[in-house]
């Protein structure tokens, strides 16, 4: 049964949790290598992954492995078994649909909302910084990448 079942509701403050390569994956090739990956030690600590202290800046293989394990966990029978009951308790990268876009429609059903207005979690200050520096190609390119990531 949905968490909200007795009325029509729209979630106006939902957030995705962007993996380290999210912005780069949606960027045009000419700026992709200029986008530094953010680090996620605090957020990853909540997932229970023992390698959550991996820093993305200098240890990309390790952080990629953390996210591969996390994605595998989200697809596991154990995780999926009670996800409808656990949807309101799982937070950040541990939440269903937080970083795997294909899972988000199920979350709407579990919560009982008709729609969600989605925001990024990690990139607002970075986008602001890029917007206010002299490299307009990078500023516009990262804005385009962000928009692709949000709708894709």
C-alpha atoms as a PDB file:
ATOM      1  CA  UNK A   1       0.000   0.000   0.000  1.00  0.00           C
ATOM      2  CA  UNK A   2       1.250   3.481  -0.828  1.00  0.00           C
ATOM      3  CA  UNK A   3       2.531   5.726   1.959  1.00  0.00           C
ATOM      4  CA  UNK A   4       0.044   8.422   0.838  1.00  0.00           C
ATOM      5  CA  UNK A   5      -3.166   6.703  -0.219  1.00  0.00           C
ATOM      6  CA  UNK A   6      -6.035   8.988   0.715  1.00  0.00           C
ATOM      7  CA  UNK A   7      -5.371  12.057  -1.486  1.00  0.00           C
ATOM      8  CA  UNK A   8      -3.710  13.270  -4.664  1.00  0.00           C
ATOM      9  CA  UNK A   9      -0.211  14.486  -3.849  1.00  0.00           C
ATOM     10  CA  UNK A  10       2.693  15.952  -5.795  1.00  0.00           C
ATOM     11  CA  UNK A  11       6.198  15.929  -4.296  1.00  0.00           C
ATOM     12  CA  UNK A  12       7.649  19.402  -4.872  1.00  0.00           C
ATOM     13  CA  UNK A  13      11.064  18.863  -3.271  1.00  0.00           C
ATOM     14  CA  UNK A  14      12.607  15.576  -4.385  1.00  0.00           C
ATOM     15  CA  UNK A  15      16.339  15.168  -4.920  1.00  0.00           C
ATOM     16  CA  UNK A  16      18.416  12.799  -6.970  1.00  0.00           C
ATOM     17  CA  UNK A  17      21.807  11.703  -5.661  1.00  0.00           C
ATOM     18  CA  UNK A  18      24.257  12.224  -8.493  1.00  0.00           C
ATOM     19  CA  UNK A  19      27.045   9.643  -8.827  1.00  0.00           C
ATOM     20  CA  UNK A  20      30.529  11.106  -9.398  1.00  0.00           C
ATOM     21  CA  UNK A  21      30.376  10.728 -13.197  1.00  0.00           C
ATOM     22  CA  UNK A  22      26.799  12.035 -13.560  1.00  0.00           C
ATOM     23  CA  UNK A  23      27.618  15.519 -14.861  1.00  0.00           C
ATOM     24  CA  UNK A  24      30.515  14.278 -17.007  1.00  0.00           C
ATOM     25  CA  UNK A  25      28.345  11.521 -18.501  1.00  0.00           C
ATOM     26  CA  UNK A  26      25.890  14.152 -19.748  1.00  0.00           C
ATOM     27  CA  UNK A  27      28.479  16.716 -20.860  1.00  0.00           C
ATOM     28  CA  UNK A  28      29.581  17.510 -24.379  1.00  0.00           C
ATOM     29  CA  UNK A  29      32.970  15.943 -25.227  1.00  0.00           C
ATOM     30  CA  UNK A  30      34.730  19.324 -25.439  1.00  0.00           C
ATOM     31  CA  UNK A  31      34.199  20.068 -21.731  1.00  0.00           C
ATOM     32  CA  UNK A  32      33.860  16.581 -20.224  1.00  0.00           C
ATOM     33  CA  UNK A  33      37.468  16.290 -19.050  1.00  0.00           C
ATOM     34  CA  UNK A  34      37.344  19.763 -17.490  1.00  0.00           C
ATOM     35  CA  UNK A  35      34.630  18.793 -14.997  1.00  0.00           C
ATOM     36  CA  UNK A  36      36.125  17.649 -11.707  1.00  0.00           C
ATOM     37  CA  UNK A  37      34.299  14.800 -10.000  1.00  0.00           C
ATOM     38  CA  UNK A  38      32.896  15.575  -6.554  1.00  0.00           C
ATOM     39  CA  UNK A  39      33.701  13.451  -3.497  1.00  0.00           C
ATOM     40  CA  UNK A  40      31.068  11.638  -1.457  1.00  0.00           C
ATOM     41  CA  UNK A  41      32.608  10.173   1.704  1.00  0.00           C
ATOM     42  CA  UNK A  42      29.897  11.416   4.078  1.00  0.00           C
ATOM     43  CA  UNK A  43      26.987  10.316   1.900  1.00  0.00           C
ATOM     44  CA  UNK A  44      28.528   6.937   1.129  1.00  0.00           C
ATOM     45  CA  UNK A  45      29.102   6.218   4.828  1.00  0.00           C
ATOM     46  CA  UNK A  46      25.332   5.842   5.188  1.00  0.00           C
ATOM     47  CA  UNK A  47      25.253   2.992   2.668  1.00  0.00           C
ATOM     48  CA  UNK A  48      27.347   0.671   4.805  1.00  0.00           C
ATOM     49  CA  UNK A  49      29.993   0.191   2.108  1.00  0.00           C
ATOM     50  CA  UNK A  50      33.298  -0.434   3.841  1.00  0.00           C
ATOM     51  CA  UNK A  51      35.188   1.514   1.169  1.00  0.00           C
ATOM     52  CA  UNK A  52      33.152   4.688   1.576  1.00  0.00           C
ATOM     53  CA  UNK A  53      36.214   6.826   2.290  1.00  0.00           C
ATOM     54  CA  UNK A  54      37.357   6.554  -1.316  1.00  0.00           C
ATOM     55  CA  UNK A  55      37.844  10.041  -2.689  1.00  0.00           C
ATOM     56  CA  UNK A  56      36.825  10.594  -6.266  1.00  0.00           C
ATOM     57  CA  UNK A  57      39.476  13.165  -7.131  1.00  0.00           C
ATOM     58  CA  UNK A  58      42.529  10.911  -7.059  1.00  0.00           C
ATOM     59  CA  UNK A  59      41.049   7.446  -6.747  1.00  0.00           C
ATOM     60  CA  UNK A  60      38.461   7.120  -9.501  1.00  0.00           C
ATOM     61  CA  UNK A  61      38.726   3.340  -9.879  1.00  0.00           C
ATOM     62  CA  UNK A  62      37.956   2.871  -6.199  1.00  0.00           C
ATOM     63  CA  UNK A  63      34.972   5.240  -6.181  1.00  0.00           C
ATOM     64  CA  UNK A  64      33.635   3.624  -9.377  1.00  0.00           C
ATOM     65  CA  UNK A  65      33.848   0.238  -7.634  1.00  0.00           C
ATOM     66  CA  UNK A  66      31.893   1.605  -4.651  1.00  0.00           C
ATOM     67  CA  UNK A  67      29.097   2.779  -6.953  1.00  0.00           C
ATOM     68  CA  UNK A  68      29.102  -0.488  -8.909  1.00  0.00           C
ATOM     69  CA  UNK A  69      28.628  -2.406  -5.649  1.00  0.00           C
ATOM     70  CA  UNK A  70      25.929   0.028  -4.566  1.00  0.00           C
ATOM     71  CA  UNK A  71      24.062  -0.396  -7.875  1.00  0.00           C
ATOM     72  CA  UNK A  72      24.332  -4.184  -7.531  1.00  0.00           C
ATOM     73  CA  UNK A  73      22.891  -3.954  -4.030  1.00  0.00           C
ATOM     74  CA  UNK A  74      19.946  -1.867  -5.310  1.00  0.00           C
ATOM     75  CA  UNK A  75      19.223  -4.587  -7.882  1.00  0.00           C
ATOM     76  CA  UNK A  76      19.539  -7.485  -5.420  1.00  0.00           C
ATOM     77  CA  UNK A  77      16.586  -9.632  -4.368  1.00  0.00           C
ATOM     78  CA  UNK A  78      17.205  -8.713  -0.727  1.00  0.00           C
ATOM     79  CA  UNK A  79      16.994  -4.967  -1.455  1.00  0.00           C
ATOM     80  CA  UNK A  80      13.944  -5.307  -3.710  1.00  0.00           C
ATOM     81  CA  UNK A  81      12.066  -7.645  -1.375  1.00  0.00           C
ATOM     82  CA  UNK A  82      10.843  -4.950   1.036  1.00  0.00           C
ATOM     83  CA  UNK A  83      11.523  -1.765  -0.880  1.00  0.00           C
ATOM     84  CA  UNK A  84       7.861  -0.718  -0.780  1.00  0.00           C
ATOM     85  CA  UNK A  85       7.880  -0.903   3.026  1.00  0.00           C
ATOM     86  CA  UNK A  86      11.363   0.604   3.351  1.00  0.00           C
ATOM     87  CA  UNK A  87      10.984   3.451   0.851  1.00  0.00           C
ATOM     88  CA  UNK A  88      10.449   6.127   3.512  1.00  0.00           C
ATOM     89  CA  UNK A  89      13.350   4.874   5.661  1.00  0.00           C
ATOM     90  CA  UNK A  90      16.070   4.642   3.011  1.00  0.00           C
ATOM     91  CA  UNK A  91      17.919   7.914   2.546  1.00  0.00           C
ATOM     92  CA  UNK A  92      20.548   9.391   0.263  1.00  0.00           C
ATOM     93  CA  UNK A  93      22.394   6.805  -1.872  1.00  0.00           C
ATOM     94  CA  UNK A  94      20.638   3.990   0.008  1.00  0.00           C
ATOM     95  CA  UNK A  95      17.222   5.181  -1.220  1.00  0.00           C
ATOM     96  CA  UNK A  96      15.422   3.465  -4.077  1.00  0.00           C
ATOM     97  CA  UNK A  97      15.597   5.693  -7.154  1.00  0.00           C
ATOM     98  CA  UNK A  98      18.175   8.020  -5.645  1.00  0.00           C
ATOM     99  CA  UNK A  99      20.746   7.464  -8.380  1.00  0.00           C
ATOM    100  CA  UNK A 100      19.274   4.764 -10.648  1.00  0.00           C
ATOM    101  CA  UNK A 101      16.771   6.635 -12.808  1.00  0.00           C
ATOM    102  CA  UNK A 102      14.960   3.474 -13.902  1.00  0.00           C
ATOM    103  CA  UNK A 103      13.878   2.903 -10.287  1.00  0.00           C
ATOM    104  CA  UNK A 104      12.188   6.303  -9.818  1.00  0.00           C
ATOM    105  CA  UNK A 105       8.743   5.389 -11.234  1.00  0.00           C
ATOM    106  CA  UNK A 106       8.391   2.648  -8.594  1.00  0.00           C
ATOM    107  CA  UNK A 107       9.168   5.171  -5.877  1.00  0.00           C
ATOM    108  CA  UNK A 108       6.251   7.362  -6.947  1.00  0.00           C
ATOM    109  CA  UNK A 109       3.952   4.356  -6.624  1.00  0.00           C
ATOM    110  CA  UNK A 110       5.380   3.365  -3.232  1.00  0.00           C
ATOM    111  CA  UNK A 111       5.068   6.880  -1.836  1.00  0.00           C
ATOM    112  CA  UNK A 112       1.726   7.512  -3.501  1.00  0.00           C
ATOM    113  CA  UNK A 113       2.544  10.733  -5.329  1.00  0.00           C
ATOM    114  CA  UNK A 114       1.460  11.614  -8.838  1.00  0.00           C
ATOM    115  CA  UNK A 115       4.660  13.469  -9.725  1.00  0.00           C
ATOM    116  CA  UNK A 116       7.940  14.753  -8.357  1.00  0.00           C
ATOM    117  CA  UNK A 117       9.767  18.002  -8.951  1.00  0.00           C
ATOM    118  CA  UNK A 118      13.380  16.818  -8.939  1.00  0.00           C
ATOM    119  CA  UNK A 119      16.482  18.761  -7.960  1.00  0.00           C
ATOM    120  CA  UNK A 120      20.142  17.834  -7.934  1.00  0.00           C
ATOM    121  CA  UNK A 121      21.857  17.408  -4.579  1.00  0.00           C
ATOM    122  CA  UNK A 122      25.530  18.158  -5.154  1.00  0.00           C
ATOM    123  CA  UNK A 123      25.936  20.532  -8.073  1.00  0.00           C
ATOM    124  CA  UNK A 124      24.229  23.851  -7.264  1.00  0.00           C
ATOM    125  CA  UNK A 125      27.302  25.516  -5.753  1.00  0.00           C
ATOM    126  CA  UNK A 126      29.493  24.148  -8.536  1.00  0.00           C
ATOM    127  CA  UNK A 127      27.112  25.425 -11.215  1.00  0.00           C
ATOM    128  CA  UNK A 128      27.072  28.814  -9.481  1.00  0.00           C
ATOM    129  CA  UNK A 129      30.883  28.911  -9.439  1.00  0.00           C
ATOM    130  CA  UNK A 130      31.106  27.989 -13.105  1.00  0.00           C
ATOM    131  CA  UNK A 131      28.503  30.611 -13.967  1.00  0.00           C
ATOM    132  CA  UNK A 132      30.557  33.330 -12.262  1.00  0.00           C
ATOM    133  CA  UNK A 133      33.970  32.567 -13.719  1.00  0.00           C
ATOM    134  CA  UNK A 134      35.283  33.821 -17.076  1.00  0.00           C
ATOM    135  CA  UNK A 135      35.065  30.512 -19.006  1.00  0.00           C
ATOM    136  CA  UNK A 136      31.588  30.760 -20.526  1.00  0.00           C
ATOM    137  CA  UNK A 137      32.032  27.596 -22.590  1.00  0.00           C
ATOM    138  CA  UNK A 138      32.424  25.660 -19.342  1.00  0.00           C
ATOM    139  CA  UNK A 139      29.536  27.524 -17.679  1.00  0.00           C
ATOM    140  CA  UNK A 140      27.088  26.882 -20.505  1.00  0.00           C
ATOM    141  CA  UNK A 141      28.396  23.367 -21.100  1.00  0.00           C
ATOM    142  CA  UNK A 142      27.914  22.313 -17.486  1.00  0.00           C
ATOM    143  CA  UNK A 143      24.438  23.876 -17.442  1.00  0.00           C
ATOM    144  CA  UNK A 144      23.523  21.856 -20.547  1.00  0.00           C
ATOM    145  CA  UNK A 145      24.965  18.697 -18.978  1.00  0.00           C
ATOM    146  CA  UNK A 146      22.975  19.321 -15.797  1.00  0.00           C
ATOM    147  CA  UNK A 147      19.732  19.768 -17.726  1.00  0.00           C
ATOM    148  CA  UNK A 148      20.344  16.601 -19.750  1.00  0.00           C
ATOM    149  CA  UNK A 149      21.015  14.688 -16.560  1.00  0.00           C
ATOM    150  CA  UNK A 150      17.864  15.934 -14.880  1.00  0.00           C
ATOM    151  CA  UNK A 151      15.523  15.047 -17.743  1.00  0.00           C
ATOM    152  CA  UNK A 152      17.335  11.962 -18.998  1.00  0.00           C
END
